[in-house]
Amino acid sequence: MTLATIKFAWADDKPGEVTIKPVSTILVGATPEFEIAALSLAFLCGEQEGDNRMELGRERIKIVCYPHDGKGGPKVASAYIELA
């Protein structure tokens, strides 16, 4: 598996406006199921708000999680992988 860093942009709802995301990551060579499982485990078993540092193969990574403020138990608002 490889952790790739990418940059992308998309058109907003307003004509002529573009949003640029400076950095995002994607696991290359991993199944979507693996990535969802890793992010879910980090959220449920680690820090639900903040960094979960670990190693994935030879890479040191952190899974960053943010919870959703709502009723009915913990919910993921956002979770993503970064290089540590």
PDB file of N, CA and C in Angstrom:
ATOM      1  N   MET A   1       0.830  -1.186   0.000  1.00  0.00           N
ATOM      2  CA  MET A   1       0.000   0.000   0.000  1.00  0.00           C
ATOM      3  C   MET A   1       0.875   1.249   0.000  1.00  0.00           C
ATOM      4  N   THR A   2       0.370   2.270  -0.613  1.00  0.00           N
ATOM      5  CA  THR A   2       1.042   3.563  -0.660  1.00  0.00           C
ATOM      6  C   THR A   2       0.040   4.641  -0.283  1.00  0.00           C
ATOM      7  N   LEU A   3       0.492   5.607   0.479  1.00  0.00           N
ATOM      8  CA  LEU A   3      -0.341   6.750   0.822  1.00  0.00           C
ATOM      9  C   LEU A   3       0.028   7.882  -0.127  1.00  0.00           C
ATOM     10  N   ALA A   4      -0.895   8.248  -1.008  1.00  0.00           N
ATOM     11  CA  ALA A   4      -0.647   9.303  -1.983  1.00  0.00           C
ATOM     12  C   ALA A   4      -1.285  10.603  -1.500  1.00  0.00           C
ATOM     13  N   THR A   5      -0.566  11.700  -1.677  1.00  0.00           N
ATOM     14  CA  THR A   5      -1.075  13.025  -1.356  1.00  0.00           C
ATOM     15  C   THR A   5      -1.495  13.687  -2.658  1.00  0.00           C
ATOM     16  N   ILE A   6      -2.706  14.215  -2.685  1.00  0.00           N
ATOM     17  CA  ILE A   6      -3.231  14.835  -3.900  1.00  0.00           C
ATOM     18  C   ILE A   6      -3.813  16.207  -3.589  1.00  0.00           C
ATOM     19  N   LYS A   7      -3.976  16.999  -4.633  1.00  0.00           N
ATOM     20  CA  LYS A   7      -4.595  18.316  -4.529  1.00  0.00           C
ATOM     21  C   LYS A   7      -5.678  18.372  -5.598  1.00  0.00           C
ATOM     22  N   PHE A   8      -6.843  18.899  -5.261  1.00  0.00           N
ATOM     23  CA  PHE A   8      -7.904  18.972  -6.251  1.00  0.00           C
ATOM     24  C   PHE A   8      -8.780  20.190  -6.023  1.00  0.00           C
ATOM     25  N   ALA A   9      -9.593  20.492  -7.021  1.00  0.00           N
ATOM     26  CA  ALA A   9     -10.508  21.635  -6.951  1.00  0.00           C
ATOM     27  C   ALA A   9     -11.844  21.219  -7.550  1.00  0.00           C
ATOM     28  N   TRP A  10     -12.892  21.928  -7.154  1.00  0.00           N
ATOM     29  CA  TRP A  10     -14.197  21.658  -7.720  1.00  0.00           C
ATOM     30  C   TRP A  10     -14.967  22.959  -7.825  1.00  0.00           C
ATOM     31  N   ALA A  11     -15.928  22.986  -8.747  1.00  0.00           N
ATOM     32  CA  ALA A  11     -16.745  24.178  -8.952  1.00  0.00           C
ATOM     33  C   ALA A  11     -17.787  24.278  -7.849  1.00  0.00           C
ATOM     34  N   ASP A  12     -17.953  25.475  -7.320  1.00  0.00           N
ATOM     35  CA  ASP A  12     -18.968  25.717  -6.294  1.00  0.00           C
ATOM     36  C   ASP A  12     -20.330  25.909  -6.940  1.00  0.00           C
ATOM     37  N   ASP A  13     -21.341  26.076  -6.089  1.00  0.00           N
ATOM     38  CA  ASP A  13     -22.696  26.311  -6.579  1.00  0.00           C
ATOM     39  C   ASP A  13     -22.827  27.636  -7.317  1.00  0.00           C
ATOM     40  N   LYS A  14     -22.018  28.618  -6.908  1.00  0.00           N
ATOM     41  CA  LYS A  14     -22.070  29.924  -7.555  1.00  0.00           C
ATOM     42  C   LYS A  14     -21.210  29.896  -8.814  1.00  0.00           C
ATOM     43  N   PRO A  15     -21.727  30.383  -9.913  1.00  0.00           N
ATOM     44  CA  PRO A  15     -20.961  30.370 -11.162  1.00  0.00           C
ATOM     45  C   PRO A  15     -19.632  31.124 -11.035  1.00  0.00           C
ATOM     46  N   GLY A  16     -18.588  30.540 -11.543  1.00  0.00           N
ATOM     47  CA  GLY A  16     -17.281  31.178 -11.549  1.00  0.00           C
ATOM     48  C   GLY A  16     -16.464  30.976 -10.290  1.00  0.00           C
ATOM     49  N   GLU A  17     -17.012  30.377  -9.250  1.00  0.00           N
ATOM     50  CA  GLU A  17     -16.270  30.158  -8.014  1.00  0.00           C
ATOM     51  C   GLU A  17     -15.757  28.722  -7.957  1.00  0.00           C
ATOM     52  N   VAL A  18     -14.515  28.583  -7.510  1.00  0.00           N
ATOM     53  CA  VAL A  18     -13.872  27.280  -7.412  1.00  0.00           C
ATOM     54  C   VAL A  18     -13.293  27.119  -6.014  1.00  0.00           C
ATOM     55  N   THR A  19     -13.507  25.956  -5.413  1.00  0.00           N
ATOM     56  CA  THR A  19     -12.926  25.642  -4.114  1.00  0.00           C
ATOM     57  C   THR A  19     -11.720  24.740  -4.343  1.00  0.00           C
ATOM     58  N   ILE A  20     -10.603  25.062  -3.703  1.00  0.00           N
ATOM     59  CA  ILE A  20      -9.388  24.265  -3.829  1.00  0.00           C
ATOM     60  C   ILE A  20      -9.090  23.624  -2.481  1.00  0.00           C
ATOM     61  N   LYS A  21      -8.939  22.325  -2.484  1.00  0.00           N
ATOM     62  CA  LYS A  21      -8.521  21.616  -1.273  1.00  0.00           C
ATOM     63  C   LYS A  21      -7.008  21.486  -1.372  1.00  0.00           C
ATOM     64  N   PRO A  22      -6.261  22.093  -0.440  1.00  0.00           N
ATOM     65  CA  PRO A  22      -4.804  22.122  -0.581  1.00  0.00           C
ATOM     66  C   PRO A  22      -4.153  20.743  -0.531  1.00  0.00           C
ATOM     67  N   VAL A  23      -4.645  19.858   0.319  1.00  0.00           N
ATOM     68  CA  VAL A  23      -4.038  18.534   0.430  1.00  0.00           C
ATOM     69  C   VAL A  23      -5.100  17.524   0.827  1.00  0.00           C
ATOM     70  N   SER A  24      -5.061  16.373   0.201  1.00  0.00           N
ATOM     71  CA  SER A  24      -5.888  15.248   0.590  1.00  0.00           C
ATOM     72  C   SER A  24      -5.052  13.996   0.394  1.00  0.00           C
ATOM     73  N   THR A  25      -5.469  12.899   0.981  1.00  0.00           N
ATOM     74  CA  THR A  25      -4.714  11.660   0.849  1.00  0.00           C
ATOM     75  C   THR A  25      -5.636  10.526   0.429  1.00  0.00           C
ATOM     76  N   ILE A  26      -5.033   9.525  -0.183  1.00  0.00           N
ATOM     77  CA  ILE A  26      -5.752   8.331  -0.588  1.00  0.00           C
ATOM     78  C   ILE A  26      -4.801   7.150  -0.456  1.00  0.00           C
ATOM     79  N   LEU A  27      -5.331   6.021  -0.016  1.00  0.00           N
ATOM     80  CA  LEU A  27      -4.527   4.799   0.053  1.00  0.00           C
ATOM     81  C   LEU A  27      -4.574   4.123  -1.305  1.00  0.00           C
ATOM     82  N   VAL A  28      -3.423   3.942  -1.922  1.00  0.00           N
ATOM     83  CA  VAL A  28      -3.320   3.272  -3.213  1.00  0.00           C
ATOM     84  C   VAL A  28      -2.965   1.815  -2.940  1.00  0.00           C
ATOM     85  N   GLY A  29      -3.740   0.906  -3.492  1.00  0.00           N
ATOM     86  CA  GLY A  29      -3.482  -0.518  -3.297  1.00  0.00           C
ATOM     87  C   GLY A  29      -4.274  -1.113  -2.155  1.00  0.00           C
ATOM     88  N   ALA A  30      -5.133  -0.323  -1.535  1.00  0.00           N
ATOM     89  CA  ALA A  30      -5.990  -0.819  -0.453  1.00  0.00           C
ATOM     90  C   ALA A  30      -7.433  -0.817  -0.948  1.00  0.00           C
ATOM     91  N   THR A  31      -8.217  -1.715  -0.416  1.00  0.00           N
ATOM     92  CA  THR A  31      -9.625  -1.735  -0.788  1.00  0.00           C
ATOM     93  C   THR A  31     -10.364  -0.631  -0.037  1.00  0.00           C
ATOM     94  N   PRO A  32     -11.460  -0.151  -0.584  1.00  0.00           N
ATOM     95  CA  PRO A  32     -12.266   0.834   0.147  1.00  0.00           C
ATOM     96  C   PRO A  32     -12.739   0.279   1.494  1.00  0.00           C
ATOM     97  N   GLU A  33     -13.006  -1.021   1.532  1.00  0.00           N
ATOM     98  CA  GLU A  33     -13.450  -1.643   2.780  1.00  0.00           C
ATOM     99  C   GLU A  33     -12.374  -1.550   3.859  1.00  0.00           C
ATOM    100  N   PHE A  34     -11.107  -1.747   3.463  1.00  0.00           N
ATOM    101  CA  PHE A  34     -10.008  -1.636   4.425  1.00  0.00           C
ATOM    102  C   PHE A  34      -9.906  -0.219   4.965  1.00  0.00           C
ATOM    103  N   GLU A  35      -9.992   0.758   4.072  1.00  0.00           N
ATOM    104  CA  GLU A  35      -9.861   2.153   4.509  1.00  0.00           C
ATOM    105  C   GLU A  35     -11.012   2.553   5.435  1.00  0.00           C
ATOM    106  N   ILE A  36     -12.231   2.160   5.100  1.00  0.00           N
ATOM    107  CA  ILE A  36     -13.373   2.468   5.966  1.00  0.00           C
ATOM    108  C   ILE A  36     -13.222   1.775   7.316  1.00  0.00           C
ATOM    109  N   ALA A  37     -12.761   0.521   7.314  1.00  0.00           N
ATOM    110  CA  ALA A  37     -12.562  -0.211   8.566  1.00  0.00           C
ATOM    111  C   ALA A  37     -11.488   0.457   9.427  1.00  0.00           C
ATOM    112  N   ALA A  38     -10.373   0.857   8.825  1.00  0.00           N
ATOM    113  CA  ALA A  38      -9.284   1.499   9.573  1.00  0.00           C
ATOM    114  C   ALA A  38      -9.746   2.818  10.177  1.00  0.00           C
ATOM    115  N   LEU A  39     -10.461   3.618   9.405  1.00  0.00           N
ATOM    116  CA  LEU A  39     -10.958   4.900   9.907  1.00  0.00           C
ATOM    117  C   LEU A  39     -11.992   4.695  11.016  1.00  0.00           C
ATOM    118  N   SER A  40     -12.863   3.710  10.842  1.00  0.00           N
ATOM    119  CA  SER A  40     -13.882   3.428  11.852  1.00  0.00           C
ATOM    120  C   SER A  40     -13.257   2.928  13.148  1.00  0.00           C
ATOM    121  N   LEU A  41     -12.278   2.021  13.039  1.00  0.00           N
ATOM    122  CA  LEU A  41     -11.607   1.510  14.239  1.00  0.00           C
ATOM    123  C   LEU A  41     -10.872   2.617  14.978  1.00  0.00           C
ATOM    124  N   ALA A  42     -10.209   3.493  14.240  1.00  0.00           N
ATOM    125  CA  ALA A  42      -9.506   4.603  14.887  1.00  0.00           C
ATOM    126  C   ALA A  42     -10.492   5.482  15.640  1.00  0.00           C
ATOM    127  N   PHE A  43     -11.655   5.724  15.054  1.00  0.00           N
ATOM    128  CA  PHE A  43     -12.665   6.559  15.702  1.00  0.00           C
ATOM    129  C   PHE A  43     -13.254   5.874  16.924  1.00  0.00           C
ATOM    130  N   LEU A  44     -13.625   4.604  16.793  1.00  0.00           N
ATOM    131  CA  LEU A  44     -14.316   3.901  17.877  1.00  0.00           C
ATOM    132  C   LEU A  44     -13.383   3.440  18.992  1.00  0.00           C
ATOM    133  N   CYS A  45     -12.122   3.123  18.653  1.00  0.00           N
ATOM    134  CA  CYS A  45     -11.199   2.575  19.656  1.00  0.00           C
ATOM    135  C   CYS A  45     -10.103   3.552  20.063  1.00  0.00           C
ATOM    136  N   GLY A  46      -9.994   4.678  19.375  1.00  0.00           N
ATOM    137  CA  GLY A  46      -8.938   5.641  19.675  1.00  0.00           C
ATOM    138  C   GLY A  46      -9.526   6.975  20.088  1.00  0.00           C
ATOM    139  N   GLU A  47      -8.845   8.017  19.654  1.00  0.00           N
ATOM    140  CA  GLU A  47      -9.294   9.379  19.950  1.00  0.00           C
ATOM    141  C   GLU A  47     -10.427   9.742  18.999  1.00  0.00           C
ATOM    142  N   GLN A  48     -11.586  10.077  19.551  1.00  0.00           N
ATOM    143  CA  GLN A  48     -12.707  10.441  18.689  1.00  0.00           C
ATOM    144  C   GLN A  48     -12.600  11.876  18.196  1.00  0.00           C
ATOM    145  N   GLU A  49     -11.710  12.632  18.787  1.00  0.00           N
ATOM    146  CA  GLU A  49     -11.457  13.979  18.286  1.00  0.00           C
ATOM    147  C   GLU A  49      -9.969  14.235  18.351  1.00  0.00           C
ATOM    148  N   GLY A  50      -9.326  14.174  17.206  1.00  0.00           N
ATOM    149  CA  GLY A  50      -7.890  14.409  17.163  1.00  0.00           C
ATOM    150  C   GLY A  50      -7.147  13.308  16.439  1.00  0.00           C
ATOM    151  N   ASP A  51      -5.857  13.184  16.781  1.00  0.00           N
ATOM    152  CA  ASP A  51      -4.941  12.303  16.054  1.00  0.00           C
ATOM    153  C   ASP A  51      -4.826  10.922  16.698  1.00  0.00           C
ATOM    154  N   ASN A  52      -4.777   9.913  15.852  1.00  0.00           N
ATOM    155  CA  ASN A  52      -4.482   8.539  16.238  1.00  0.00           C
ATOM    156  C   ASN A  52      -3.233   8.140  15.459  1.00  0.00           C
ATOM    157  N   ARG A  53      -2.090   8.133  16.114  1.00  0.00           N
ATOM    158  CA  ARG A  53      -0.824   7.838  15.434  1.00  0.00           C
ATOM    159  C   ARG A  53      -0.564   6.341  15.425  1.00  0.00           C
ATOM    160  N   MET A  54      -0.086   5.834  14.275  1.00  0.00           N
ATOM    161  CA  MET A  54       0.208   4.413  14.133  1.00  0.00           C
ATOM    162  C   MET A  54       1.114   4.196  12.937  1.00  0.00           C
ATOM    163  N   GLU A  55       1.480   2.958  12.710  1.00  0.00           N
ATOM    164  CA  GLU A  55       2.286   2.595  11.548  1.00  0.00           C
ATOM    165  C   GLU A  55       1.460   1.731  10.619  1.00  0.00           C
ATOM    166  N   LEU A  56       1.581   2.005   9.347  1.00  0.00           N
ATOM    167  CA  LEU A  56       0.931   1.225   8.303  1.00  0.00           C
ATOM    168  C   LEU A  56       2.042   0.751   7.385  1.00  0.00           C
ATOM    169  N   GLY A  57       2.449  -0.494   7.558  1.00  0.00           N
ATOM    170  CA  GLY A  57       3.627  -0.975   6.847  1.00  0.00           C
ATOM    171  C   GLY A  57       4.845  -0.260   7.396  1.00  0.00           C
ATOM    172  N   ARG A  58       5.592   0.409   6.527  1.00  0.00           N
ATOM    173  CA  ARG A  58       6.777   1.161   6.957  1.00  0.00           C
ATOM    174  C   ARG A  58       6.498   2.637   7.159  1.00  0.00           C
ATOM    175  N   GLU A  59       5.276   3.048   6.885  1.00  0.00           N
ATOM    176  CA  GLU A  59       4.917   4.464   7.000  1.00  0.00           C
ATOM    177  C   GLU A  59       4.318   4.781   8.369  1.00  0.00           C
ATOM    178  N   ARG A  60       4.744   5.893   8.946  1.00  0.00           N
ATOM    179  CA  ARG A  60       4.101   6.404  10.155  1.00  0.00           C
ATOM    180  C   ARG A  60       2.974   7.316   9.697  1.00  0.00           C
ATOM    181  N   ILE A  61       1.771   7.017  10.157  1.00  0.00           N
ATOM    182  CA  ILE A  61       0.598   7.785   9.744  1.00  0.00           C
ATOM    183  C   ILE A  61      -0.158   8.271  10.974  1.00  0.00           C
ATOM    184  N   LYS A  62      -1.085   9.160  10.724  1.00  0.00           N
ATOM    185  CA  LYS A  62      -2.051   9.524  11.754  1.00  0.00           C
ATOM    186  C   LYS A  62      -3.418   9.547  11.099  1.00  0.00           C
ATOM    187  N   ILE A  63      -4.371   9.007  11.819  1.00  0.00           N
ATOM    188  CA  ILE A  63      -5.755   9.073  11.387  1.00  0.00           C
ATOM    189  C   ILE A  63      -6.411  10.162  12.227  1.00  0.00           C
ATOM    190  N   VAL A  64      -6.890  11.184  11.555  1.00  0.00           N
ATOM    191  CA  VAL A  64      -7.492  12.339  12.215  1.00  0.00           C
ATOM    192  C   VAL A  64      -9.012  12.152  12.183  1.00  0.00           C
ATOM    193  N   CYS A  65      -9.643  12.247  13.336  1.00  0.00           N
ATOM    194  CA  CYS A  65     -11.087  12.049  13.456  1.00  0.00           C
ATOM    195  C   CYS A  65     -11.749  13.271  14.069  1.00  0.00           C
ATOM    196  N   TYR A  66     -12.958  13.529  13.620  1.00  0.00           N
ATOM    197  CA  TYR A  66     -13.802  14.553  14.215  1.00  0.00           C
ATOM    198  C   TYR A  66     -15.192  13.972  14.395  1.00  0.00           C
ATOM    199  N   PRO A  67     -15.768  14.099  15.606  1.00  0.00           N
ATOM    200  CA  PRO A  67     -17.093  13.540  15.850  1.00  0.00           C
ATOM    201  C   PRO A  67     -18.206  14.477  15.400  1.00  0.00           C
ATOM    202  N   HIS A  68     -19.371  13.887  15.163  1.00  0.00           N
ATOM    203  CA  HIS A  68     -20.578  14.643  14.857  1.00  0.00           C
ATOM    204  C   HIS A  68     -21.320  14.869  16.162  1.00  0.00           C
ATOM    205  N   ASP A  69     -21.706  16.089  16.419  1.00  0.00           N
ATOM    206  CA  ASP A  69     -22.464  16.399  17.634  1.00  0.00           C
ATOM    207  C   ASP A  69     -23.933  16.070  17.380  1.00  0.00           C
ATOM    208  N   GLY A  70     -24.358  14.977  17.939  1.00  0.00           N
ATOM    209  CA  GLY A  70     -25.754  14.574  17.759  1.00  0.00           C
ATOM    210  C   GLY A  70     -26.151  13.568  18.811  1.00  0.00           C
ATOM    211  N   LYS A  71     -27.379  13.134  18.754  1.00  0.00           N
ATOM    212  CA  LYS A  71     -27.894  12.183  19.724  1.00  0.00           C
ATOM    213  C   LYS A  71     -27.694  10.754  19.225  1.00  0.00           C
ATOM    214  N   GLY A  72     -27.690   9.807  20.149  1.00  0.00           N
ATOM    215  CA  GLY A  72     -27.661   8.403  19.761  1.00  0.00           C
ATOM    216  C   GLY A  72     -26.286   7.790  19.680  1.00  0.00           C
ATOM    217  N   GLY A  73     -25.329   8.271  20.422  1.00  0.00           N
ATOM    218  CA  GLY A  73     -24.010   7.654  20.422  1.00  0.00           C
ATOM    219  C   GLY A  73     -23.052   8.311  19.456  1.00  0.00           C
ATOM    220  N   PRO A  74     -21.805   7.801  19.431  1.00  0.00           N
ATOM    221  CA  PRO A  74     -20.778   8.439  18.608  1.00  0.00           C
ATOM    222  C   PRO A  74     -21.036   8.270  17.107  1.00  0.00           C
ATOM    223  N   LYS A  75     -20.807   9.345  16.389  1.00  0.00           N
ATOM    224  CA  LYS A  75     -20.932   9.337  14.929  1.00  0.00           C
ATOM    225  C   LYS A  75     -19.740  10.075  14.337  1.00  0.00           C
ATOM    226  N   VAL A  76     -19.255   9.600  13.212  1.00  0.00           N
ATOM    227  CA  VAL A  76     -18.109  10.213  12.554  1.00  0.00           C
ATOM    228  C   VAL A  76     -18.585  11.367  11.677  1.00  0.00           C
ATOM    229  N   ALA A  77     -18.027  12.549  11.910  1.00  0.00           N
ATOM    230  CA  ALA A  77     -18.296  13.672  11.015  1.00  0.00           C
ATOM    231  C   ALA A  77     -17.256  13.663   9.900  1.00  0.00           C
ATOM    232  N   SER A  78     -15.994  13.394  10.290  1.00  0.00           N
ATOM    233  CA  SER A  78     -14.912  13.348   9.316  1.00  0.00           C
ATOM    234  C   SER A  78     -13.788  12.493   9.880  1.00  0.00           C
ATOM    235  N   ALA A  79     -13.121  11.750   9.000  1.00  0.00           N
ATOM    236  CA  ALA A  79     -11.948  10.973   9.373  1.00  0.00           C
ATOM    237  C   ALA A  79     -11.085  10.809   8.129  1.00  0.00           C
ATOM    238  N   TYR A  80      -9.789  11.018   8.290  1.00  0.00           N
ATOM    239  CA  TYR A  80      -8.893  10.913   7.141  1.00  0.00           C
ATOM    240  C   TYR A  80      -7.490  10.542   7.620  1.00  0.00           C
ATOM    241  N   ILE A  81      -6.679  10.090   6.673  1.00  0.00           N
ATOM    242  CA  ILE A  81      -5.322   9.637   6.957  1.00  0.00           C
ATOM    243  C   ILE A  81      -4.335  10.690   6.473  1.00  0.00           C
ATOM    244  N   GLU A  82      -3.310  10.957   7.284  1.00  0.00           N
ATOM    245  CA  GLU A  82      -2.212  11.853   6.915  1.00  0.00           C
ATOM    246  C   GLU A  82      -0.889  11.189   7.258  1.00  0.00           C
ATOM    247  N   LEU A  83       0.190  11.644   6.639  1.00  0.00           N
ATOM    248  CA  LEU A  83       1.511  11.206   7.071  1.00  0.00           C
ATOM    249  C   LEU A  83       1.832  11.873   8.395  1.00  0.00           C
ATOM    250  N   ALA A  84       2.436  11.120   9.314  1.00  0.00           N
ATOM    251  CA  ALA A  84       2.744  11.675  10.631  1.00  0.00           C
ATOM    252  C   ALA A  84       4.035  12.454  10.613  1.00  0.00           C
TER     253      ALA A  84
END
